[in-house]
Amino acid sequence: MDGLLEALKWILIVLLAGFIGQFGKSLSTHILDYFKKRKLRHAAGTAAEPLGPAGSDPAGSGAGQPVIADKKALKAQAKAQKKAQKG
């Protein structure tokens, strides 16, 4: 009976580790994205607005576009610097 409980304990530990390994990264990514969006909205003075899906603008004013454009410009700049370092 004692060996059965020991085996069951190890089986549960392995299953729990597998679950964390499978879904832990995506969960942490979602949590970090949530806090980044919350920080950006708080810095813009619109912390009272509800958070919608990524890339959406609940007011429809197009206020989210400059942030996306800035991200794309930064990404393009980083890519150009990396390419210049290689060649």
N, C-alpha and C. Protein backbone atom coordinates (compact mmCIF):
# COMPACT_ATOMS: atom_id res chain seq x y z
N MET A 1 0.82 -1.20 0.00
CA MET A 1 0.00 0.00 0.00
C MET A 1 0.86 1.26 0.00
N ASP A 2 1.96 1.20 0.75
CA ASP A 2 2.84 2.37 0.83
C ASP A 2 3.54 2.63 -0.51
N GLY A 3 3.88 1.56 -1.22
CA GLY A 3 4.51 1.70 -2.53
C GLY A 3 3.55 2.28 -3.55
N LEU A 4 2.28 1.95 -3.44
CA LEU A 4 1.27 2.47 -4.36
C LEU A 4 1.11 3.98 -4.18
N LEU A 5 1.08 4.43 -2.93
CA LEU A 5 0.96 5.88 -2.67
C LEU A 5 2.20 6.62 -3.16
N GLU A 6 3.36 6.02 -2.99
CA GLU A 6 4.61 6.64 -3.46
C GLU A 6 4.59 6.76 -4.99
N ALA A 7 4.17 5.71 -5.68
CA ALA A 7 4.09 5.73 -7.15
C ALA A 7 3.07 6.76 -7.61
N LEU A 8 1.93 6.83 -6.95
CA LEU A 8 0.90 7.80 -7.31
C LEU A 8 1.40 9.23 -7.12
N LYS A 9 2.14 9.45 -6.06
CA LYS A 9 2.71 10.78 -5.80
C LYS A 9 3.66 11.18 -6.93
N TRP A 10 4.52 10.27 -7.35
CA TRP A 10 5.48 10.58 -8.42
C TRP A 10 4.79 10.78 -9.76
N ILE A 11 3.74 10.01 -10.01
CA ILE A 11 2.99 10.17 -11.25
C ILE A 11 2.36 11.57 -11.29
N LEU A 12 1.78 12.00 -10.18
CA LEU A 12 1.19 13.33 -10.12
C LEU A 12 2.24 14.43 -10.28
N ILE A 13 3.40 14.24 -9.71
CA ILE A 13 4.47 15.23 -9.83
C ILE A 13 4.91 15.36 -11.29
N VAL A 14 5.07 14.23 -11.96
CA VAL A 14 5.48 14.25 -13.37
C VAL A 14 4.41 14.89 -14.25
N LEU A 15 3.15 14.56 -14.01
CA LEU A 15 2.06 15.16 -14.79
C LEU A 15 1.98 16.67 -14.56
N LEU A 16 2.15 17.09 -13.31
CA LEU A 16 2.12 18.52 -13.00
C LEU A 16 3.29 19.25 -13.67
N ALA A 17 4.47 18.65 -13.65
CA ALA A 17 5.63 19.27 -14.32
C ALA A 17 5.40 19.37 -15.82
N GLY A 18 4.80 18.36 -16.41
CA GLY A 18 4.50 18.39 -17.85
C GLY A 18 3.49 19.47 -18.18
N PHE A 19 2.48 19.62 -17.35
CA PHE A 19 1.47 20.66 -17.56
C PHE A 19 2.09 22.04 -17.49
N ILE A 20 2.91 22.26 -16.48
CA ILE A 20 3.58 23.56 -16.34
C ILE A 20 4.51 23.82 -17.52
N GLY A 21 5.22 22.80 -17.95
CA GLY A 21 6.11 22.95 -19.09
C GLY A 21 5.37 23.26 -20.38
N GLN A 22 4.20 22.67 -20.54
CA GLN A 22 3.43 22.87 -21.77
C GLN A 22 2.77 24.25 -21.82
N PHE A 23 2.17 24.66 -20.72
CA PHE A 23 1.36 25.87 -20.74
C PHE A 23 1.97 27.04 -19.98
N GLY A 24 3.07 26.84 -19.29
CA GLY A 24 3.66 27.90 -18.48
C GLY A 24 4.15 29.08 -19.30
N LYS A 25 4.78 28.80 -20.43
CA LYS A 25 5.33 29.89 -21.24
C LYS A 25 4.23 30.76 -21.83
N SER A 26 3.20 30.16 -22.36
CA SER A 26 2.12 30.96 -22.94
C SER A 26 1.37 31.75 -21.87
N LEU A 27 1.20 31.15 -20.70
CA LEU A 27 0.53 31.86 -19.61
C LEU A 27 1.37 33.06 -19.16
N SER A 28 2.67 32.87 -19.03
CA SER A 28 3.52 33.99 -18.61
C SER A 28 3.56 35.08 -19.67
N THR A 29 3.51 34.70 -20.94
CA THR A 29 3.47 35.69 -22.02
C THR A 29 2.20 36.52 -21.95
N HIS A 30 1.07 35.87 -21.70
CA HIS A 30 -0.20 36.59 -21.58
C HIS A 30 -0.19 37.53 -20.38
N ILE A 31 0.37 37.07 -19.28
CA ILE A 31 0.43 37.91 -18.07
C ILE A 31 1.32 39.12 -18.31
N LEU A 32 2.48 38.92 -18.93
CA LEU A 32 3.38 40.05 -19.21
C LEU A 32 2.75 41.04 -20.19
N ASP A 33 2.06 40.54 -21.22
CA ASP A 33 1.38 41.43 -22.17
C ASP A 33 0.31 42.26 -21.47
N TYR A 34 -0.42 41.63 -20.56
CA TYR A 34 -1.46 42.34 -19.82
C TYR A 34 -0.86 43.50 -19.04
N PHE A 35 0.24 43.25 -18.33
CA PHE A 35 0.83 44.31 -17.53
C PHE A 35 1.48 45.40 -18.39
N LYS A 36 2.03 45.02 -19.56
CA LYS A 36 2.59 46.03 -20.47
C LYS A 36 1.49 46.95 -20.99
N LYS A 37 0.37 46.37 -21.40
CA LYS A 37 -0.75 47.18 -21.90
C LYS A 37 -1.29 48.08 -20.80
N ARG A 38 -1.38 47.52 -19.61
CA ARG A 38 -1.89 48.30 -18.48
C ARG A 38 -0.95 49.47 -18.17
N LYS A 39 0.36 49.22 -18.26
CA LYS A 39 1.34 50.28 -17.99
C LYS A 39 1.26 51.36 -19.07
N LEU A 40 1.13 50.96 -20.34
CA LEU A 40 1.02 51.93 -21.42
C LEU A 40 -0.23 52.78 -21.30
N ARG A 41 -1.33 52.16 -20.96
CA ARG A 41 -2.58 52.91 -20.81
C ARG A 41 -2.53 53.83 -19.61
N HIS A 42 -1.89 53.39 -18.56
CA HIS A 42 -1.77 54.22 -17.36
C HIS A 42 -0.89 55.43 -17.68
N ALA A 43 0.18 55.22 -18.44
CA ALA A 43 1.07 56.32 -18.82
C ALA A 43 0.34 57.32 -19.73
N ALA A 44 -0.60 56.83 -20.53
CA ALA A 44 -1.36 57.71 -21.43
C ALA A 44 -2.52 58.39 -20.71
N GLY A 45 -2.77 58.01 -19.47
CA GLY A 45 -3.84 58.63 -18.70
C GLY A 45 -5.21 58.04 -18.97
N THR A 46 -5.25 56.82 -19.51
CA THR A 46 -6.53 56.19 -19.80
C THR A 46 -6.65 54.86 -19.07
N ALA A 47 -6.20 54.81 -17.83
CA ALA A 47 -6.21 53.56 -17.07
C ALA A 47 -7.62 53.10 -16.75
N ALA A 48 -8.60 54.00 -16.76
CA ALA A 48 -9.97 53.62 -16.41
C ALA A 48 -10.67 52.87 -17.54
N GLU A 49 -10.12 52.91 -18.76
CA GLU A 49 -10.75 52.21 -19.88
C GLU A 49 -10.53 50.72 -19.76
N PRO A 50 -11.52 49.92 -20.15
CA PRO A 50 -11.35 48.47 -20.10
C PRO A 50 -10.35 48.02 -21.17
N LEU A 51 -9.63 46.95 -20.86
CA LEU A 51 -8.66 46.42 -21.80
C LEU A 51 -9.36 45.51 -22.79
N GLY A 52 -9.14 45.76 -24.08
CA GLY A 52 -9.74 44.93 -25.11
C GLY A 52 -8.69 44.00 -25.70
N PRO A 53 -9.03 43.30 -26.76
CA PRO A 53 -8.05 42.44 -27.41
C PRO A 53 -6.88 43.25 -27.97
N ALA A 54 -5.76 42.59 -28.16
CA ALA A 54 -4.56 43.28 -28.66
C ALA A 54 -4.84 43.92 -30.01
N GLY A 55 -4.42 45.16 -30.17
CA GLY A 55 -4.57 45.86 -31.43
C GLY A 55 -5.92 46.49 -31.63
N SER A 56 -6.83 46.36 -30.68
CA SER A 56 -8.14 46.98 -30.86
C SER A 56 -8.17 48.33 -30.16
N ASP A 57 -9.03 49.19 -30.66
CA ASP A 57 -9.20 50.52 -30.07
C ASP A 57 -10.66 50.67 -29.70
N PRO A 58 -11.00 50.56 -28.39
CA PRO A 58 -12.40 50.60 -28.01
C PRO A 58 -13.10 51.91 -28.35
N ALA A 59 -12.37 53.03 -28.37
CA ALA A 59 -13.00 54.31 -28.68
C ALA A 59 -13.13 54.52 -30.19
N GLY A 60 -12.34 53.80 -30.97
CA GLY A 60 -12.39 53.93 -32.41
C GLY A 60 -11.74 55.21 -32.92
N SER A 61 -10.90 55.82 -32.10
CA SER A 61 -10.29 57.09 -32.49
C SER A 61 -8.96 56.92 -33.20
N GLY A 62 -8.47 55.69 -33.29
CA GLY A 62 -7.19 55.47 -33.95
C GLY A 62 -6.02 55.77 -33.05
N ALA A 63 -6.23 55.89 -31.75
CA ALA A 63 -5.15 56.23 -30.82
C ALA A 63 -4.14 55.10 -30.69
N GLY A 64 -4.52 53.88 -31.02
CA GLY A 64 -3.61 52.74 -30.91
C GLY A 64 -2.62 52.66 -32.05
N GLN A 65 -2.87 53.32 -33.16
CA GLN A 65 -2.01 53.24 -34.32
C GLN A 65 -0.59 53.76 -34.09
N PRO A 66 -0.38 54.90 -33.43
CA PRO A 66 1.00 55.35 -33.23
C PRO A 66 1.84 54.36 -32.44
N VAL A 67 1.25 53.68 -31.47
CA VAL A 67 2.00 52.70 -30.68
C VAL A 67 2.44 51.56 -31.58
N ILE A 68 1.54 51.08 -32.44
CA ILE A 68 1.88 49.98 -33.34
C ILE A 68 2.94 50.44 -34.34
N ALA A 69 2.81 51.65 -34.87
CA ALA A 69 3.79 52.17 -35.82
C ALA A 69 5.15 52.32 -35.16
N ASP A 70 5.18 52.77 -33.90
CA ASP A 70 6.45 52.89 -33.18
C ASP A 70 7.10 51.53 -33.00
N LYS A 71 6.31 50.52 -32.66
CA LYS A 71 6.84 49.18 -32.48
C LYS A 71 7.44 48.66 -33.78
N LYS A 72 6.72 48.90 -34.89
CA LYS A 72 7.22 48.43 -36.18
C LYS A 72 8.50 49.15 -36.57
N ALA A 73 8.56 50.46 -36.29
CA ALA A 73 9.75 51.23 -36.62
C ALA A 73 10.94 50.76 -35.78
N LEU A 74 10.72 50.49 -34.51
CA LEU A 74 11.79 50.00 -33.65
C LEU A 74 12.28 48.63 -34.11
N LYS A 75 11.34 47.79 -34.50
CA LYS A 75 11.70 46.46 -34.97
C LYS A 75 12.52 46.54 -36.26
N ALA A 76 12.11 47.41 -37.17
CA ALA A 76 12.84 47.58 -38.43
C ALA A 76 14.23 48.14 -38.17
N GLN A 77 14.34 49.07 -37.23
CA GLN A 77 15.64 49.65 -36.89
C GLN A 77 16.56 48.59 -36.29
N ALA A 78 16.04 47.77 -35.39
CA ALA A 78 16.84 46.72 -34.78
C ALA A 78 17.30 45.71 -35.83
N LYS A 79 16.41 45.40 -36.77
CA LYS A 79 16.75 44.46 -37.82
C LYS A 79 17.86 45.02 -38.71
N ALA A 80 17.77 46.30 -39.04
CA ALA A 80 18.79 46.95 -39.87
C ALA A 80 20.14 46.96 -39.15
N GLN A 81 20.13 47.24 -37.85
CA GLN A 81 21.39 47.25 -37.08
C GLN A 81 22.00 45.85 -37.06
N LYS A 82 21.18 44.85 -36.86
CA LYS A 82 21.66 43.46 -36.82
C LYS A 82 22.26 43.07 -38.17
N LYS A 83 21.60 43.50 -39.24
CA LYS A 83 22.08 43.17 -40.59
C LYS A 83 23.40 43.89 -40.86
N ALA A 84 23.53 45.14 -40.37
CA ALA A 84 24.76 45.90 -40.58
C ALA A 84 25.92 45.27 -39.81
N GLN A 85 25.65 44.70 -38.65
CA GLN A 85 26.70 44.06 -37.87
C GLN A 85 27.19 42.78 -38.52
N LYS A 86 26.31 42.08 -39.19
CA LYS A 86 26.68 40.82 -39.84
C LYS A 86 27.55 41.06 -41.08
N GLY A 87 27.17 42.03 -41.86
CA GLY A 87 27.83 42.15 -43.15
C GLY A 87 28.49 43.43 -43.30
